[in-house]
Amino acid sequence: MEWSVTAGPQSAIRDLAARVSGAPSQGSDASRRQRSRVIRLALLALLLLPFLSTACNTSSDEQTALDAVNKSRAQAGVPALRWDDTLGDKARGWAGRLAADQSLSHSSIAQGASPGWHYLAENVGVSVSIADAQRAFMASAPHRKNLIDARFTSVGIGMVQAGGQLWIVQEFRG
């Protein structure tokens, strides 16, 4: 099953409501069964609503993560990274996939990357907060290497909150 980071559970409930309004006339047994089925699905969707993954606030959360990355780079004496919208889209999509799968894995790194790259890297992680994820990345040699590699000039970051966990993806380009 694929999860959309931008389409939320509200759209699924709207879709169910539209199906209810298009049901056959009230008198038939088939229409009562269909209405009953749709109502059960709508109730199930409402019960699952708190557990479905949702995208983080893309402006403030991503900026917070970018600031943390650039603070780590400044401490290492390397230039700050600039934001790359294409990499941000890729990172958001992959974070949604990780959250849906409840499993960490890397994407096909070049797929969806901005054109004109010479170097690409990706950090993926799961944590309880942006700050904790950044600390964990910096404590891991391969992740730290990606974060402070002076060859990288831009980054895209995506995060999805699901089940009390923050799924975070950092895409680097140089």
C-alpha atoms as a PDB file:
ATOM      1  CA  MET A   1       0.000   0.000   0.000  1.00  0.00           C
ATOM      2  CA  GLU A   2       1.321   3.446  -0.876  1.00  0.00           C
ATOM      3  CA  TRP A   3       0.794   6.404   1.440  1.00  0.00           C
ATOM      4  CA  SER A   4       0.563   9.947   0.216  1.00  0.00           C
ATOM      5  CA  VAL A   5       2.301  12.487   2.397  1.00  0.00           C
ATOM      6  CA  THR A   6       0.192  15.343   1.065  1.00  0.00           C
ATOM      7  CA  ALA A   7      -3.241  13.661   0.938  1.00  0.00           C
ATOM      8  CA  GLY A   8      -4.473  13.106   4.452  1.00  0.00           C
ATOM      9  CA  PRO A   9      -7.115  11.003   6.115  1.00  0.00           C
ATOM     10  CA  GLN A  10      -9.604  13.840   5.675  1.00  0.00           C
ATOM     11  CA  SER A  11      -9.653  13.240   1.914  1.00  0.00           C
ATOM     12  CA  ALA A  12     -10.364   9.551   2.496  1.00  0.00           C
ATOM     13  CA  ILE A  13     -13.320  10.481   4.703  1.00  0.00           C
ATOM     14  CA  ARG A  14     -14.572  12.922   2.035  1.00  0.00           C
ATOM     15  CA  ASP A  15     -14.342  10.118  -0.534  1.00  0.00           C
ATOM     16  CA  LEU A  16     -16.390   7.860   1.714  1.00  0.00           C
ATOM     17  CA  ALA A  17     -18.968  10.596   2.240  1.00  0.00           C
ATOM     18  CA  ALA A  18     -19.278  11.030  -1.513  1.00  0.00           C
ATOM     19  CA  ARG A  19     -19.913   7.311  -1.877  1.00  0.00           C
ATOM     20  CA  VAL A  20     -22.657   7.494   0.767  1.00  0.00           C
ATOM     21  CA  SER A  21     -24.418  10.313  -1.084  1.00  0.00           C
ATOM     22  CA  GLY A  22     -24.282   8.285  -4.309  1.00  0.00           C
ATOM     23  CA  ALA A  23     -25.892   5.188  -2.741  1.00  0.00           C
ATOM     24  CA  PRO A  24     -28.967   3.547  -4.319  1.00  0.00           C
ATOM     25  CA  SER A  25     -32.434   4.414  -3.057  1.00  0.00           C
ATOM     26  CA  GLN A  26     -33.136   3.736   0.604  1.00  0.00           C
ATOM     27  CA  GLY A  27     -35.785   1.101   0.120  1.00  0.00           C
ATOM     28  CA  SER A  28     -33.785  -1.813  -1.251  1.00  0.00           C
ATOM     29  CA  ASP A  29     -31.867  -4.392   0.781  1.00  0.00           C
ATOM     30  CA  ALA A  30     -28.841  -3.770  -1.441  1.00  0.00           C
ATOM     31  CA  SER A  31     -28.889  -0.071  -0.628  1.00  0.00           C
ATOM     32  CA  ARG A  32     -29.103  -0.760   3.131  1.00  0.00           C
ATOM     33  CA  ARG A  33     -26.178  -3.187   2.906  1.00  0.00           C
ATOM     34  CA  GLN A  34     -24.130  -0.681   0.903  1.00  0.00           C
ATOM     35  CA  ARG A  35     -24.919   2.153   3.337  1.00  0.00           C
ATOM     36  CA  SER A  36     -24.039  -0.099   6.257  1.00  0.00           C
ATOM     37  CA  ARG A  37     -20.722  -1.077   4.639  1.00  0.00           C
ATOM     38  CA  VAL A  38     -19.816   2.545   3.885  1.00  0.00           C
ATOM     39  CA  ILE A  39     -20.727   3.642   7.414  1.00  0.00           C
ATOM     40  CA  ARG A  40     -18.545   0.869   8.894  1.00  0.00           C
ATOM     41  CA  LEU A  41     -15.647   1.965   6.665  1.00  0.00           C
ATOM     42  CA  ALA A  42     -16.122   5.604   7.683  1.00  0.00           C
ATOM     43  CA  LEU A  43     -16.151   4.657  11.373  1.00  0.00           C
ATOM     44  CA  LEU A  44     -13.029   2.565  10.908  1.00  0.00           C
ATOM     45  CA  ALA A  45     -11.305   5.509   9.181  1.00  0.00           C
ATOM     46  CA  LEU A  46     -12.258   7.799  12.078  1.00  0.00           C
ATOM     47  CA  LEU A  47     -10.926   5.310  14.628  1.00  0.00           C
ATOM     48  CA  LEU A  48      -7.630   4.981  12.734  1.00  0.00           C
ATOM     49  CA  LEU A  49      -7.252   8.724  12.146  1.00  0.00           C
ATOM     50  CA  PRO A  50      -4.881   9.349  15.098  1.00  0.00           C
ATOM     51  CA  PHE A  51      -2.586   6.516  13.965  1.00  0.00           C
ATOM     52  CA  LEU A  52      -2.261   7.460  10.301  1.00  0.00           C
ATOM     53  CA  SER A  53       0.989   9.147   9.314  1.00  0.00           C
ATOM     54  CA  THR A  54       0.876  12.855   8.650  1.00  0.00           C
ATOM     55  CA  ALA A  55       3.385  15.228   7.160  1.00  0.00           C
ATOM     56  CA  CYS A  56       5.218  17.565   9.498  1.00  0.00           C
ATOM     57  CA  ASN A  57       4.870  21.310   9.140  1.00  0.00           C
ATOM     58  CA  THR A  58       7.008  21.685   6.048  1.00  0.00           C
ATOM     59  CA  SER A  59       8.056  25.256   6.649  1.00  0.00           C
ATOM     60  CA  SER A  60       9.080  25.372  10.306  1.00  0.00           C
ATOM     61  CA  ASP A  61      10.100  21.722  10.860  1.00  0.00           C
ATOM     62  CA  GLU A  62      12.207  21.532   7.717  1.00  0.00           C
ATOM     63  CA  GLN A  63      13.797  24.892   8.512  1.00  0.00           C
ATOM     64  CA  THR A  64      14.601  23.654  12.024  1.00  0.00           C
ATOM     65  CA  ALA A  65      16.236  20.535  10.569  1.00  0.00           C
ATOM     66  CA  LEU A  66      18.152  22.586   7.979  1.00  0.00           C
ATOM     67  CA  ASP A  67      19.380  24.926  10.729  1.00  0.00           C
ATOM     68  CA  ALA A  68      20.593  21.901  12.755  1.00  0.00           C
ATOM     69  CA  VAL A  69      22.450  20.527   9.713  1.00  0.00           C
ATOM     70  CA  ASN A  70      24.095  23.868   8.991  1.00  0.00           C
ATOM     71  CA  LYS A  71      25.036  24.354  12.654  1.00  0.00           C
ATOM     72  CA  SER A  72      26.844  20.999  12.555  1.00  0.00           C
ATOM     73  CA  ARG A  73      28.564  22.019   9.325  1.00  0.00           C
ATOM     74  CA  ALA A  74      29.637  25.375  10.801  1.00  0.00           C
ATOM     75  CA  GLN A  75      31.129  23.607  13.825  1.00  0.00           C
ATOM     76  CA  ALA A  76      33.109  21.419  11.393  1.00  0.00           C
ATOM     77  CA  GLY A  77      34.279  24.480   9.443  1.00  0.00           C
ATOM     78  CA  VAL A  78      32.417  23.719   6.197  1.00  0.00           C
ATOM     79  CA  PRO A  79      30.005  25.991   4.300  1.00  0.00           C
ATOM     80  CA  ALA A  80      26.272  25.892   4.934  1.00  0.00           C
ATOM     81  CA  LEU A  81      23.996  23.931   2.611  1.00  0.00           C
ATOM     82  CA  ARG A  82      21.239  25.640   0.665  1.00  0.00           C
ATOM     83  CA  TRP A  83      17.739  24.183   0.378  1.00  0.00           C
ATOM     84  CA  ASP A  84      16.892  22.193  -2.774  1.00  0.00           C
ATOM     85  CA  ASP A  85      13.142  21.889  -3.466  1.00  0.00           C
ATOM     86  CA  THR A  86      13.569  18.819  -5.686  1.00  0.00           C
ATOM     87  CA  LEU A  87      15.548  17.001  -3.009  1.00  0.00           C
ATOM     88  CA  GLY A  88      12.988  18.154  -0.418  1.00  0.00           C
ATOM     89  CA  ASP A  89      10.199  16.551  -2.435  1.00  0.00           C
ATOM     90  CA  LYS A  90      12.211  13.350  -2.794  1.00  0.00           C
ATOM     91  CA  ALA A  91      13.014  13.301   0.943  1.00  0.00           C
ATOM     92  CA  ARG A  92       9.381  13.919   1.950  1.00  0.00           C
ATOM     93  CA  GLY A  93       8.186  11.125  -0.295  1.00  0.00           C
ATOM     94  CA  TRP A  94      10.759   8.674   1.016  1.00  0.00           C
ATOM     95  CA  ALA A  95      10.064   9.606   4.657  1.00  0.00           C
ATOM     96  CA  GLY A  96       6.392   8.837   4.004  1.00  0.00           C
ATOM     97  CA  ARG A  97       7.320   5.459   2.556  1.00  0.00           C
ATOM     98  CA  LEU A  98       9.537   4.625   5.545  1.00  0.00           C
ATOM     99  CA  ALA A  99       6.787   5.597   7.979  1.00  0.00           C
ATOM    100  CA  ALA A 100       4.213   3.512   6.107  1.00  0.00           C
ATOM    101  CA  ASP A 101       6.561   0.505   6.025  1.00  0.00           C
ATOM    102  CA  GLN A 102       7.724   1.120   9.616  1.00  0.00           C
ATOM    103  CA  SER A 103      11.201   0.177   8.404  1.00  0.00           C
ATOM    104  CA  LEU A 104      14.405   2.039   7.547  1.00  0.00           C
ATOM    105  CA  SER A 105      15.909   1.640   4.086  1.00  0.00           C
ATOM    106  CA  HIS A 106      17.608   3.813   1.501  1.00  0.00           C
ATOM    107  CA  SER A 107      15.965   5.073  -1.657  1.00  0.00           C
ATOM    108  CA  SER A 108      17.336   4.701  -5.161  1.00  0.00           C
ATOM    109  CA  ILE A 109      19.566   7.668  -4.549  1.00  0.00           C
ATOM    110  CA  ALA A 110      19.757   9.155  -8.058  1.00  0.00           C
ATOM    111  CA  GLN A 111      16.047   8.692  -8.747  1.00  0.00           C
ATOM    112  CA  GLY A 112      14.299  12.009  -8.169  1.00  0.00           C
ATOM    113  CA  ALA A 113      17.529  13.934  -7.541  1.00  0.00           C
ATOM    114  CA  SER A 114      18.085  17.402  -8.998  1.00  0.00           C
ATOM    115  CA  PRO A 115      19.903  17.412 -12.346  1.00  0.00           C
ATOM    116  CA  GLY A 116      23.564  18.344 -12.649  1.00  0.00           C
ATOM    117  CA  TRP A 117      24.827  16.519  -9.584  1.00  0.00           C
ATOM    118  CA  HIS A 118      28.330  15.099  -9.122  1.00  0.00           C
ATOM    119  CA  TYR A 119      27.859  13.648  -5.625  1.00  0.00           C
ATOM    120  CA  LEU A 120      24.769  12.339  -3.851  1.00  0.00           C
ATOM    121  CA  ALA A 121      24.209  10.926  -0.371  1.00  0.00           C
ATOM    122  CA  GLU A 122      21.280  10.122   1.869  1.00  0.00           C
ATOM    123  CA  ASN A 123      20.753   9.843   5.613  1.00  0.00           C
ATOM    124  CA  VAL A 124      17.647   8.050   6.892  1.00  0.00           C
ATOM    125  CA  GLY A 125      16.631   7.723  10.508  1.00  0.00           C
ATOM    126  CA  VAL A 126      13.858   7.416  13.025  1.00  0.00           C
ATOM    127  CA  SER A 127      13.795   9.307  16.314  1.00  0.00           C
ATOM    128  CA  VAL A 128      11.512  11.200  18.657  1.00  0.00           C
ATOM    129  CA  SER A 129      12.557  14.710  17.606  1.00  0.00           C
ATOM    130  CA  ILE A 130      14.573  16.678  15.090  1.00  0.00           C
ATOM    131  CA  ALA A 131      17.262  17.430  17.700  1.00  0.00           C
ATOM    132  CA  ASP A 132      17.573  13.767  18.709  1.00  0.00           C
ATOM    133  CA  ALA A 133      17.774  12.679  15.061  1.00  0.00           C
ATOM    134  CA  GLN A 134      20.521  15.227  14.391  1.00  0.00           C
ATOM    135  CA  ARG A 135      22.487  14.079  17.461  1.00  0.00           C
ATOM    136  CA  ALA A 136      22.175  10.453  16.309  1.00  0.00           C
ATOM    137  CA  PHE A 137      23.310  11.319  12.782  1.00  0.00           C
ATOM    138  CA  MET A 138      26.342  13.187  14.130  1.00  0.00           C
ATOM    139  CA  ALA A 139      27.217  10.262  16.437  1.00  0.00           C
ATOM    140  CA  SER A 140      27.270   7.831  13.482  1.00  0.00           C
ATOM    141  CA  ALA A 141      30.450   8.010  11.368  1.00  0.00           C
ATOM    142  CA  PRO A 142      28.814   7.424   7.933  1.00  0.00           C
ATOM    143  CA  HIS A 143      25.952   9.853   8.647  1.00  0.00           C
ATOM    144  CA  ARG A 144      28.328  12.460  10.061  1.00  0.00           C
ATOM    145  CA  LYS A 145      30.506  12.125   6.945  1.00  0.00           C
ATOM    146  CA  ASN A 146      27.506  12.983   4.758  1.00  0.00           C
ATOM    147  CA  LEU A 147      26.528  15.902   6.975  1.00  0.00           C
ATOM    148  CA  ILE A 148      29.931  17.592   6.982  1.00  0.00           C
ATOM    149  CA  ASP A 149      31.219  16.640   3.521  1.00  0.00           C
ATOM    150  CA  ALA A 150      32.325  19.932   1.914  1.00  0.00           C
ATOM    151  CA  ARG A 151      31.542  18.529  -1.564  1.00  0.00           C
ATOM    152  CA  PHE A 152      27.823  18.836  -0.818  1.00  0.00           C
ATOM    153  CA  THR A 153      26.251  22.214  -1.547  1.00  0.00           C
ATOM    154  CA  SER A 154      22.506  21.576  -1.176  1.00  0.00           C
ATOM    155  CA  VAL A 155      20.099  19.451   0.808  1.00  0.00           C
ATOM    156  CA  GLY A 156      16.445  18.462   0.966  1.00  0.00           C
ATOM    157  CA  ILE A 157      14.922  17.157   4.171  1.00  0.00           C
ATOM    158  CA  GLY A 158      11.641  15.320   4.653  1.00  0.00           C
ATOM    159  CA  MET A 159       9.965  14.228   7.869  1.00  0.00           C
ATOM    160  CA  VAL A 160       6.861  12.269   8.718  1.00  0.00           C
ATOM    161  CA  GLN A 161       5.486  11.791  12.216  1.00  0.00           C
ATOM    162  CA  ALA A 162       3.871   8.357  12.672  1.00  0.00           C
ATOM    163  CA  GLY A 163       3.166   6.283  15.745  1.00  0.00           C
ATOM    164  CA  GLY A 164       4.990   8.685  18.040  1.00  0.00           C
ATOM    165  CA  GLN A 165       8.148   8.507  15.930  1.00  0.00           C
ATOM    166  CA  LEU A 166       9.784  10.967  13.559  1.00  0.00           C
ATOM    167  CA  TRP A 167      10.916   9.421  10.266  1.00  0.00           C
ATOM    168  CA  ILE A 168      13.527  11.714   8.742  1.00  0.00           C
ATOM    169  CA  VAL A 169      15.352  11.677   5.409  1.00  0.00           C
ATOM    170  CA  GLN A 170      18.202  13.994   4.413  1.00  0.00           C
ATOM    171  CA  GLU A 171      19.154  14.091   0.705  1.00  0.00           C
ATOM    172  CA  PHE A 172      22.533  15.686  -0.123  1.00  0.00           C
ATOM    173  CA  ARG A 173      23.744  16.939  -3.504  1.00  0.00           C
ATOM    174  CA  GLY A 174      27.064  18.313  -4.675  1.00  0.00           C
END
